[in-house]
Amino acid sequence: MRLISVKLPEELLRASTRIAEAVGLTRAEYIRRALEEANRRTERRLRAKRLGDASRRVREEGMRVNAEFAAIEHEPDA
């Protein structure tokens, strides 16, 4: 495990210490778990955005293809 140094606002440090003690964890373990959870949430949001972007592209392409089919149905010689 690598060691890093992080500056935290005093209130965030106090709250982290208080909550870590309340749940029976060291402050370092509590902060590690909080960071892991933040990473998971962020990864889920990023994945959802990528899926949404891909879905929009597929939908747009599908609409374009449907318009081509509709044009062919209405004017078969076009």
PDB file of N, CA and C in Angstrom:
ATOM      1  N   MET A   1       0.853  -1.168   0.000  1.00  0.00           N
ATOM      2  CA  MET A   1       0.000   0.000   0.000  1.00  0.00           C
ATOM      3  C   MET A   1       0.900   1.233   0.000  1.00  0.00           C
ATOM      4  N   ARG A   2       0.539   2.210  -0.841  1.00  0.00           N
ATOM      5  CA  ARG A   2       1.336   3.433  -0.936  1.00  0.00           C
ATOM      6  C   ARG A   2       0.821   4.468   0.048  1.00  0.00           C
ATOM      7  N   LEU A   3       1.703   5.313   0.470  1.00  0.00           N
ATOM      8  CA  LEU A   3       1.375   6.379   1.409  1.00  0.00           C
ATOM      9  C   LEU A   3       1.237   7.688   0.649  1.00  0.00           C
ATOM     10  N   ILE A   4       0.133   8.416   0.926  1.00  0.00           N
ATOM     11  CA  ILE A   4      -0.040   9.739   0.353  1.00  0.00           C
ATOM     12  C   ILE A   4      -0.356  10.723   1.469  1.00  0.00           C
ATOM     13  N   SER A   5      -0.210  11.970   1.173  1.00  0.00           N
ATOM     14  CA  SER A   5      -0.541  13.017   2.133  1.00  0.00           C
ATOM     15  C   SER A   5      -1.660  13.850   1.528  1.00  0.00           C
ATOM     16  N   VAL A   6      -2.711  14.082   2.300  1.00  0.00           N
ATOM     17  CA  VAL A   6      -3.864  14.837   1.817  1.00  0.00           C
ATOM     18  C   VAL A   6      -4.199  15.906   2.837  1.00  0.00           C
ATOM     19  N   LYS A   7      -4.417  17.111   2.350  1.00  0.00           N
ATOM     20  CA  LYS A   7      -4.872  18.184   3.227  1.00  0.00           C
ATOM     21  C   LYS A   7      -6.389  18.220   3.183  1.00  0.00           C
ATOM     22  N   LEU A   8      -7.009  18.189   4.367  1.00  0.00           N
ATOM     23  CA  LEU A   8      -8.461  18.221   4.462  1.00  0.00           C
ATOM     24  C   LEU A   8      -8.894  19.425   5.278  1.00  0.00           C
ATOM     25  N   PRO A   9     -10.035  19.998   4.949  1.00  0.00           N
ATOM     26  CA  PRO A   9     -10.569  21.051   5.801  1.00  0.00           C
ATOM     27  C   PRO A   9     -10.800  20.494   7.210  1.00  0.00           C
ATOM     28  N   GLU A  10     -10.608  21.315   8.183  1.00  0.00           N
ATOM     29  CA  GLU A  10     -10.699  20.886   9.585  1.00  0.00           C
ATOM     30  C   GLU A  10     -12.036  20.199   9.887  1.00  0.00           C
ATOM     31  N   GLU A  11     -13.128  20.757   9.395  1.00  0.00           N
ATOM     32  CA  GLU A  11     -14.439  20.173   9.670  1.00  0.00           C
ATOM     33  C   GLU A  11     -14.582  18.787   9.052  1.00  0.00           C
ATOM     34  N   LEU A  12     -14.070  18.591   7.855  1.00  0.00           N
ATOM     35  CA  LEU A  12     -14.122  17.278   7.214  1.00  0.00           C
ATOM     36  C   LEU A  12     -13.288  16.269   7.999  1.00  0.00           C
ATOM     37  N   LEU A  13     -12.147  16.686   8.474  1.00  0.00           N
ATOM     38  CA  LEU A  13     -11.294  15.805   9.272  1.00  0.00           C
ATOM     39  C   LEU A  13     -11.983  15.430  10.582  1.00  0.00           C
ATOM     40  N   ARG A  14     -12.586  16.413  11.249  1.00  0.00           N
ATOM     41  CA  ARG A  14     -13.295  16.125  12.515  1.00  0.00           C
ATOM     42  C   ARG A  14     -14.456  15.169  12.279  1.00  0.00           C
ATOM     43  N   ALA A  15     -15.244  15.429  11.229  1.00  0.00           N
ATOM     44  CA  ALA A  15     -16.391  14.561  10.945  1.00  0.00           C
ATOM     45  C   ALA A  15     -15.925  13.149  10.604  1.00  0.00           C
ATOM     46  N   SER A  16     -14.878  13.040   9.820  1.00  0.00           N
ATOM     47  CA  SER A  16     -14.351  11.719   9.450  1.00  0.00           C
ATOM     48  C   SER A  16     -13.874  10.964  10.678  1.00  0.00           C
ATOM     49  N   THR A  17     -13.182  11.647  11.561  1.00  0.00           N
ATOM     50  CA  THR A  17     -12.698  11.020  12.801  1.00  0.00           C
ATOM     51  C   THR A  17     -13.865  10.550  13.656  1.00  0.00           C
ATOM     52  N   ARG A  18     -14.851  11.423  13.831  1.00  0.00           N
ATOM     53  CA  ARG A  18     -16.010  11.100  14.672  1.00  0.00           C
ATOM     54  C   ARG A  18     -16.775   9.909  14.111  1.00  0.00           C
ATOM     55  N   ILE A  19     -17.016   9.911  12.815  1.00  0.00           N
ATOM     56  CA  ILE A  19     -17.782   8.819  12.204  1.00  0.00           C
ATOM     57  C   ILE A  19     -16.987   7.519  12.211  1.00  0.00           C
ATOM     58  N   ALA A  20     -15.705   7.591  11.922  1.00  0.00           N
ATOM     59  CA  ALA A  20     -14.856   6.390  11.944  1.00  0.00           C
ATOM     60  C   ALA A  20     -14.898   5.748  13.322  1.00  0.00           C
ATOM     61  N   GLU A  21     -14.784   6.565  14.359  1.00  0.00           N
ATOM     62  CA  GLU A  21     -14.835   6.019  15.722  1.00  0.00           C
ATOM     63  C   GLU A  21     -16.196   5.398  16.005  1.00  0.00           C
ATOM     64  N   ALA A  22     -17.269   6.046  15.515  1.00  0.00           N
ATOM     65  CA  ALA A  22     -18.621   5.541  15.765  1.00  0.00           C
ATOM     66  C   ALA A  22     -18.854   4.182  15.114  1.00  0.00           C
ATOM     67  N   VAL A  23     -18.213   3.933  13.985  1.00  0.00           N
ATOM     68  CA  VAL A  23     -18.417   2.646  13.302  1.00  0.00           C
ATOM     69  C   VAL A  23     -17.283   1.662  13.559  1.00  0.00           C
ATOM     70  N   GLY A  24     -16.359   2.036  14.430  1.00  0.00           N
ATOM     71  CA  GLY A  24     -15.304   1.118  14.838  1.00  0.00           C
ATOM     72  C   GLY A  24     -14.184   0.937  13.820  1.00  0.00           C
ATOM     73  N   LEU A  25     -13.894   1.981  13.047  1.00  0.00           N
ATOM     74  CA  LEU A  25     -12.806   1.910  12.083  1.00  0.00           C
ATOM     75  C   LEU A  25     -11.747   2.949  12.428  1.00  0.00           C
ATOM     76  N   THR A  26     -10.552   2.717  11.931  1.00  0.00           N
ATOM     77  CA  THR A  26      -9.565   3.781  12.039  1.00  0.00           C
ATOM     78  C   THR A  26      -9.967   4.871  11.047  1.00  0.00           C
ATOM     79  N   ARG A  27      -9.492   6.065  11.288  1.00  0.00           N
ATOM     80  CA  ARG A  27      -9.802   7.155  10.374  1.00  0.00           C
ATOM     81  C   ARG A  27      -9.272   6.844   8.970  1.00  0.00           C
ATOM     82  N   ALA A  28      -8.072   6.284   8.902  1.00  0.00           N
ATOM     83  CA  ALA A  28      -7.488   5.949   7.604  1.00  0.00           C
ATOM     84  C   ALA A  28      -8.355   4.933   6.858  1.00  0.00           C
ATOM     85  N   GLU A  29      -8.833   3.901   7.558  1.00  0.00           N
ATOM     86  CA  GLU A  29      -9.677   2.887   6.919  1.00  0.00           C
ATOM     87  C   GLU A  29     -10.999   3.500   6.486  1.00  0.00           C
ATOM     88  N   TYR A  30     -11.572   4.350   7.317  1.00  0.00           N
ATOM     89  CA  TYR A  30     -12.827   5.010   6.963  1.00  0.00           C
ATOM     90  C   TYR A  30     -12.646   5.849   5.695  1.00  0.00           C
ATOM     91  N   ILE A  31     -11.565   6.610   5.633  1.00  0.00           N
ATOM     92  CA  ILE A  31     -11.306   7.453   4.460  1.00  0.00           C
ATOM     93  C   ILE A  31     -11.057   6.595   3.222  1.00  0.00           C
ATOM     94  N   ARG A  32     -10.323   5.484   3.369  1.00  0.00           N
ATOM     95  CA  ARG A  32     -10.110   4.573   2.239  1.00  0.00           C
ATOM     96  C   ARG A  32     -11.442   4.052   1.706  1.00  0.00           C
ATOM     97  N   ARG A  33     -12.301   3.615   2.622  1.00  0.00           N
ATOM     98  CA  ARG A  33     -13.604   3.085   2.204  1.00  0.00           C
ATOM     99  C   ARG A  33     -14.463   4.170   1.550  1.00  0.00           C
ATOM    100  N   ALA A  34     -14.411   5.366   2.099  1.00  0.00           N
ATOM    101  CA  ALA A  34     -15.180   6.471   1.513  1.00  0.00           C
ATOM    102  C   ALA A  34     -14.683   6.770   0.106  1.00  0.00           C
ATOM    103  N   LEU A  35     -13.389   6.746  -0.098  1.00  0.00           N
ATOM    104  CA  LEU A  35     -12.817   6.998  -1.412  1.00  0.00           C
ATOM    105  C   LEU A  35     -13.179   5.868  -2.389  1.00  0.00           C
ATOM    106  N   GLU A  36     -13.137   4.626  -1.907  1.00  0.00           N
ATOM    107  CA  GLU A  36     -13.540   3.500  -2.753  1.00  0.00           C
ATOM    108  C   GLU A  36     -14.991   3.648  -3.189  1.00  0.00           C
ATOM    109  N   GLU A  37     -15.863   4.024  -2.269  1.00  0.00           N
ATOM    110  CA  GLU A  37     -17.282   4.213  -2.592  1.00  0.00           C
ATOM    111  C   GLU A  37     -17.457   5.367  -3.573  1.00  0.00           C
ATOM    112  N   ALA A  38     -16.743   6.452  -3.382  1.00  0.00           N
ATOM    113  CA  ALA A  38     -16.819   7.582  -4.315  1.00  0.00           C
ATOM    114  C   ALA A  38     -16.346   7.140  -5.703  1.00  0.00           C
ATOM    115  N   ASN A  39     -15.304   6.340  -5.766  1.00  0.00           N
ATOM    116  CA  ASN A  39     -14.814   5.825  -7.057  1.00  0.00           C
ATOM    117  C   ASN A  39     -15.873   4.959  -7.728  1.00  0.00           C
ATOM    118  N   ARG A  40     -16.531   4.084  -6.964  1.00  0.00           N
ATOM    119  CA  ARG A  40     -17.571   3.217  -7.533  1.00  0.00           C
ATOM    120  C   ARG A  40     -18.725   4.054  -8.094  1.00  0.00           C
ATOM    121  N   ARG A  41     -19.173   5.060  -7.326  1.00  0.00           N
ATOM    122  CA  ARG A  41     -20.272   5.915  -7.790  1.00  0.00           C
ATOM    123  C   ARG A  41     -19.871   6.660  -9.058  1.00  0.00           C
ATOM    124  N   THR A  42     -18.665   7.193  -9.072  1.00  0.00           N
ATOM    125  CA  THR A  42     -18.200   7.938 -10.240  1.00  0.00           C
ATOM    126  C   THR A  42     -18.086   7.026 -11.448  1.00  0.00           C
ATOM    127  N   GLU A  43     -17.540   5.821 -11.256  1.00  0.00           N
ATOM    128  CA  GLU A  43     -17.437   4.869 -12.366  1.00  0.00           C
ATOM    129  C   GLU A  43     -18.814   4.512 -12.913  1.00  0.00           C
ATOM    130  N   ARG A  44     -19.809   4.328 -12.019  1.00  0.00           N
ATOM    131  CA  ARG A  44     -21.177   4.030 -12.474  1.00  0.00           C
ATOM    132  C   ARG A  44     -21.741   5.190 -13.289  1.00  0.00           C
ATOM    133  N   ARG A  45     -21.525   6.425 -12.821  1.00  0.00           N
ATOM    134  CA  ARG A  45     -22.014   7.594 -13.561  1.00  0.00           C
ATOM    135  C   ARG A  45     -21.340   7.701 -14.927  1.00  0.00           C
ATOM    136  N   LEU A  46     -20.031   7.481 -14.966  1.00  0.00           N
ATOM    137  CA  LEU A  46     -19.304   7.547 -16.237  1.00  0.00           C
ATOM    138  C   LEU A  46     -19.777   6.467 -17.208  1.00  0.00           C
ATOM    139  N   ARG A  47     -19.992   5.258 -16.678  1.00  0.00           N
ATOM    140  CA  ARG A  47     -20.473   4.152 -17.511  1.00  0.00           C
ATOM    141  C   ARG A  47     -21.875   4.463 -18.034  1.00  0.00           C
ATOM    142  N   ALA A  48     -22.736   5.005 -17.171  1.00  0.00           N
ATOM    143  CA  ALA A  48     -24.093   5.358 -17.591  1.00  0.00           C
ATOM    144  C   ALA A  48     -24.055   6.435 -18.674  1.00  0.00           C
ATOM    145  N   LYS A  49     -23.156   7.390 -18.545  1.00  0.00           N
ATOM    146  CA  LYS A  49     -23.030   8.433 -19.561  1.00  0.00           C
ATOM    147  C   LYS A  49     -22.567   7.833 -20.889  1.00  0.00           C
ATOM    148  N   ARG A  50     -21.564   6.953 -20.841  1.00  0.00           N
ATOM    149  CA  ARG A  50     -21.091   6.321 -22.081  1.00  0.00           C
ATOM    150  C   ARG A  50     -22.207   5.505 -22.744  1.00  0.00           C
ATOM    151  N   LEU A  51     -22.961   4.761 -21.930  1.00  0.00           N
ATOM    152  CA  LEU A  51     -24.068   3.973 -22.472  1.00  0.00           C
ATOM    153  C   LEU A  51     -25.139   4.887 -23.062  1.00  0.00           C
ATOM    154  N   GLY A  52     -25.438   5.972 -22.372  1.00  0.00           N
ATOM    155  CA  GLY A  52     -26.419   6.926 -22.885  1.00  0.00           C
ATOM    156  C   GLY A  52     -25.972   7.543 -24.192  1.00  0.00           C
ATOM    157  N   ASP A  53     -24.697   7.924 -24.270  1.00  0.00           N
ATOM    158  CA  ASP A  53     -24.154   8.495 -25.504  1.00  0.00           C
ATOM    159  C   ASP A  53     -24.244   7.487 -26.648  1.00  0.00           C
ATOM    160  N   ALA A  54     -23.870   6.238 -26.376  1.00  0.00           N
ATOM    161  CA  ALA A  54     -23.934   5.198 -27.408  1.00  0.00           C
ATOM    162  C   ALA A  54     -25.386   4.955 -27.828  1.00  0.00           C
ATOM    163  N   SER A  55     -26.284   4.955 -26.869  1.00  0.00           N
ATOM    164  CA  SER A  55     -27.700   4.749 -27.167  1.00  0.00           C
ATOM    165  C   SER A  55     -28.242   5.869 -28.053  1.00  0.00           C
ATOM    166  N   ARG A  56     -27.864   7.107 -27.760  1.00  0.00           N
ATOM    167  CA  ARG A  56     -28.309   8.234 -28.590  1.00  0.00           C
ATOM    168  C   ARG A  56     -27.782   8.106 -30.021  1.00  0.00           C
ATOM    169  N   ARG A  57     -26.508   7.703 -30.162  1.00  0.00           N
ATOM    170  CA  ARG A  57     -25.948   7.534 -31.499  1.00  0.00           C
ATOM    171  C   ARG A  57     -26.687   6.443 -32.265  1.00  0.00           C
ATOM    172  N   VAL A  58     -26.975   5.327 -31.601  1.00  0.00           N
ATOM    173  CA  VAL A  58     -27.698   4.228 -32.248  1.00  0.00           C
ATOM    174  C   VAL A  58     -29.101   4.685 -32.622  1.00  0.00           C
ATOM    175  N   ARG A  59     -29.766   5.414 -31.726  1.00  0.00           N
ATOM    176  CA  ARG A  59     -31.116   5.899 -32.002  1.00  0.00           C
ATOM    177  C   ARG A  59     -31.107   6.843 -33.210  1.00  0.00           C
ATOM    178  N   GLU A  60     -30.142   7.765 -33.253  1.00  0.00           N
ATOM    179  CA  GLU A  60     -30.044   8.691 -34.381  1.00  0.00           C
ATOM    180  C   GLU A  60     -29.806   7.948 -35.695  1.00  0.00           C
ATOM    181  N   GLU A  61     -28.920   6.986 -35.657  1.00  0.00           N
ATOM    182  CA  GLU A  61     -28.646   6.194 -36.862  1.00  0.00           C
ATOM    183  C   GLU A  61     -29.880   5.403 -37.267  1.00  0.00           C
ATOM    184  N   GLY A  62     -30.583   4.841 -36.286  1.00  0.00           N
ATOM    185  CA  GLY A  62     -31.805   4.090 -36.564  1.00  0.00           C
ATOM    186  C   GLY A  62     -32.867   4.972 -37.207  1.00  0.00           C
ATOM    187  N   MET A  63     -32.980   6.214 -36.726  1.00  0.00           N
ATOM    188  CA  MET A  63     -33.947   7.143 -37.310  1.00  0.00           C
ATOM    189  C   MET A  63     -33.569   7.468 -38.756  1.00  0.00           C
ATOM    190  N   ARG A  64     -32.287   7.625 -39.028  1.00  0.00           N
ATOM    191  CA  ARG A  64     -31.826   7.911 -40.379  1.00  0.00           C
ATOM    192  C   ARG A  64     -32.161   6.734 -41.304  1.00  0.00           C
ATOM    193  N   VAL A  65     -31.877   5.516 -40.848  1.00  0.00           N
ATOM    194  CA  VAL A  65     -32.163   4.319 -41.654  1.00  0.00           C
ATOM    195  C   VAL A  65     -33.675   4.179 -41.862  1.00  0.00           C
ATOM    196  N   ASN A  66     -34.472   4.424 -40.822  1.00  0.00           N
ATOM    197  CA  ASN A  66     -35.931   4.338 -40.967  1.00  0.00           C
ATOM    198  C   ASN A  66     -36.434   5.347 -41.993  1.00  0.00           C
ATOM    199  N   ALA A  67     -35.850   6.538 -41.997  1.00  0.00           N
ATOM    200  CA  ALA A  67     -36.248   7.556 -42.974  1.00  0.00           C
ATOM    201  C   ALA A  67     -35.913   7.080 -44.390  1.00  0.00           C
ATOM    202  N   GLU A  68     -34.786   6.422 -44.562  1.00  0.00           N
ATOM    203  CA  GLU A  68     -34.431   5.884 -45.881  1.00  0.00           C
ATOM    204  C   GLU A  68     -35.444   4.830 -46.322  1.00  0.00           C
ATOM    205  N   PHE A  69     -35.817   3.928 -45.415  1.00  0.00           N
ATOM    206  CA  PHE A  69     -36.811   2.910 -45.744  1.00  0.00           C
ATOM    207  C   PHE A  69     -38.149   3.562 -46.085  1.00  0.00           C
ATOM    208  N   ALA A  70     -38.542   4.568 -45.333  1.00  0.00           N
ATOM    209  CA  ALA A  70     -39.819   5.239 -45.591  1.00  0.00           C
ATOM    210  C   ALA A  70     -39.808   5.889 -46.964  1.00  0.00           C
ATOM    211  N   ALA A  71     -38.686   6.502 -47.334  1.00  0.00           N
ATOM    212  CA  ALA A  71     -38.589   7.131 -48.653  1.00  0.00           C
ATOM    213  C   ALA A  71     -38.719   6.083 -49.748  1.00  0.00           C
ATOM    214  N   ILE A  72     -38.112   4.937 -49.550  1.00  0.00           N
ATOM    215  CA  ILE A  72     -38.177   3.855 -50.550  1.00  0.00           C
ATOM    216  C   ILE A  72     -39.608   3.324 -50.649  1.00  0.00           C
ATOM    217  N   GLU A  73     -40.289   3.182 -49.527  1.00  0.00           N
ATOM    218  CA  GLU A  73     -41.678   2.678 -49.531  1.00  0.00           C
ATOM    219  C   GLU A  73     -42.606   3.636 -50.250  1.00  0.00           C
ATOM    220  N   HIS A  74     -42.396   4.935 -50.078  1.00  0.00           N
ATOM    221  CA  HIS A  74     -43.276   5.931 -50.679  1.00  0.00           C
ATOM    222  C   HIS A  74     -42.928   6.211 -52.145  1.00  0.00           C
ATOM    223  N   GLU A  75     -41.687   6.071 -52.494  1.00  0.00           N
ATOM    224  CA  GLU A  75     -41.241   6.308 -53.875  1.00  0.00           C
ATOM    225  C   GLU A  75     -40.268   5.206 -54.273  1.00  0.00           C
ATOM    226  N   PRO A  76     -40.757   4.052 -54.625  1.00  0.00           N
ATOM    227  CA  PRO A  76     -39.889   2.903 -54.893  1.00  0.00           C
ATOM    228  C   PRO A  76     -38.887   3.140 -56.019  1.00  0.00           C
ATOM    229  N   ASP A  77     -39.147   4.055 -56.929  1.00  0.00           N
ATOM    230  CA  ASP A  77     -38.227   4.307 -58.032  1.00  0.00           C
ATOM    231  C   ASP A  77     -37.185   5.367 -57.693  1.00  0.00           C
ATOM    232  N   ALA A  78     -37.255   5.961 -56.529  1.00  0.00           N
ATOM    233  CA  ALA A  78     -36.339   7.045 -56.181  1.00  0.00           C
ATOM    234  C   ALA A  78     -34.950   6.528 -55.866  1.00  0.00           C
TER     235      ALA A  78
END
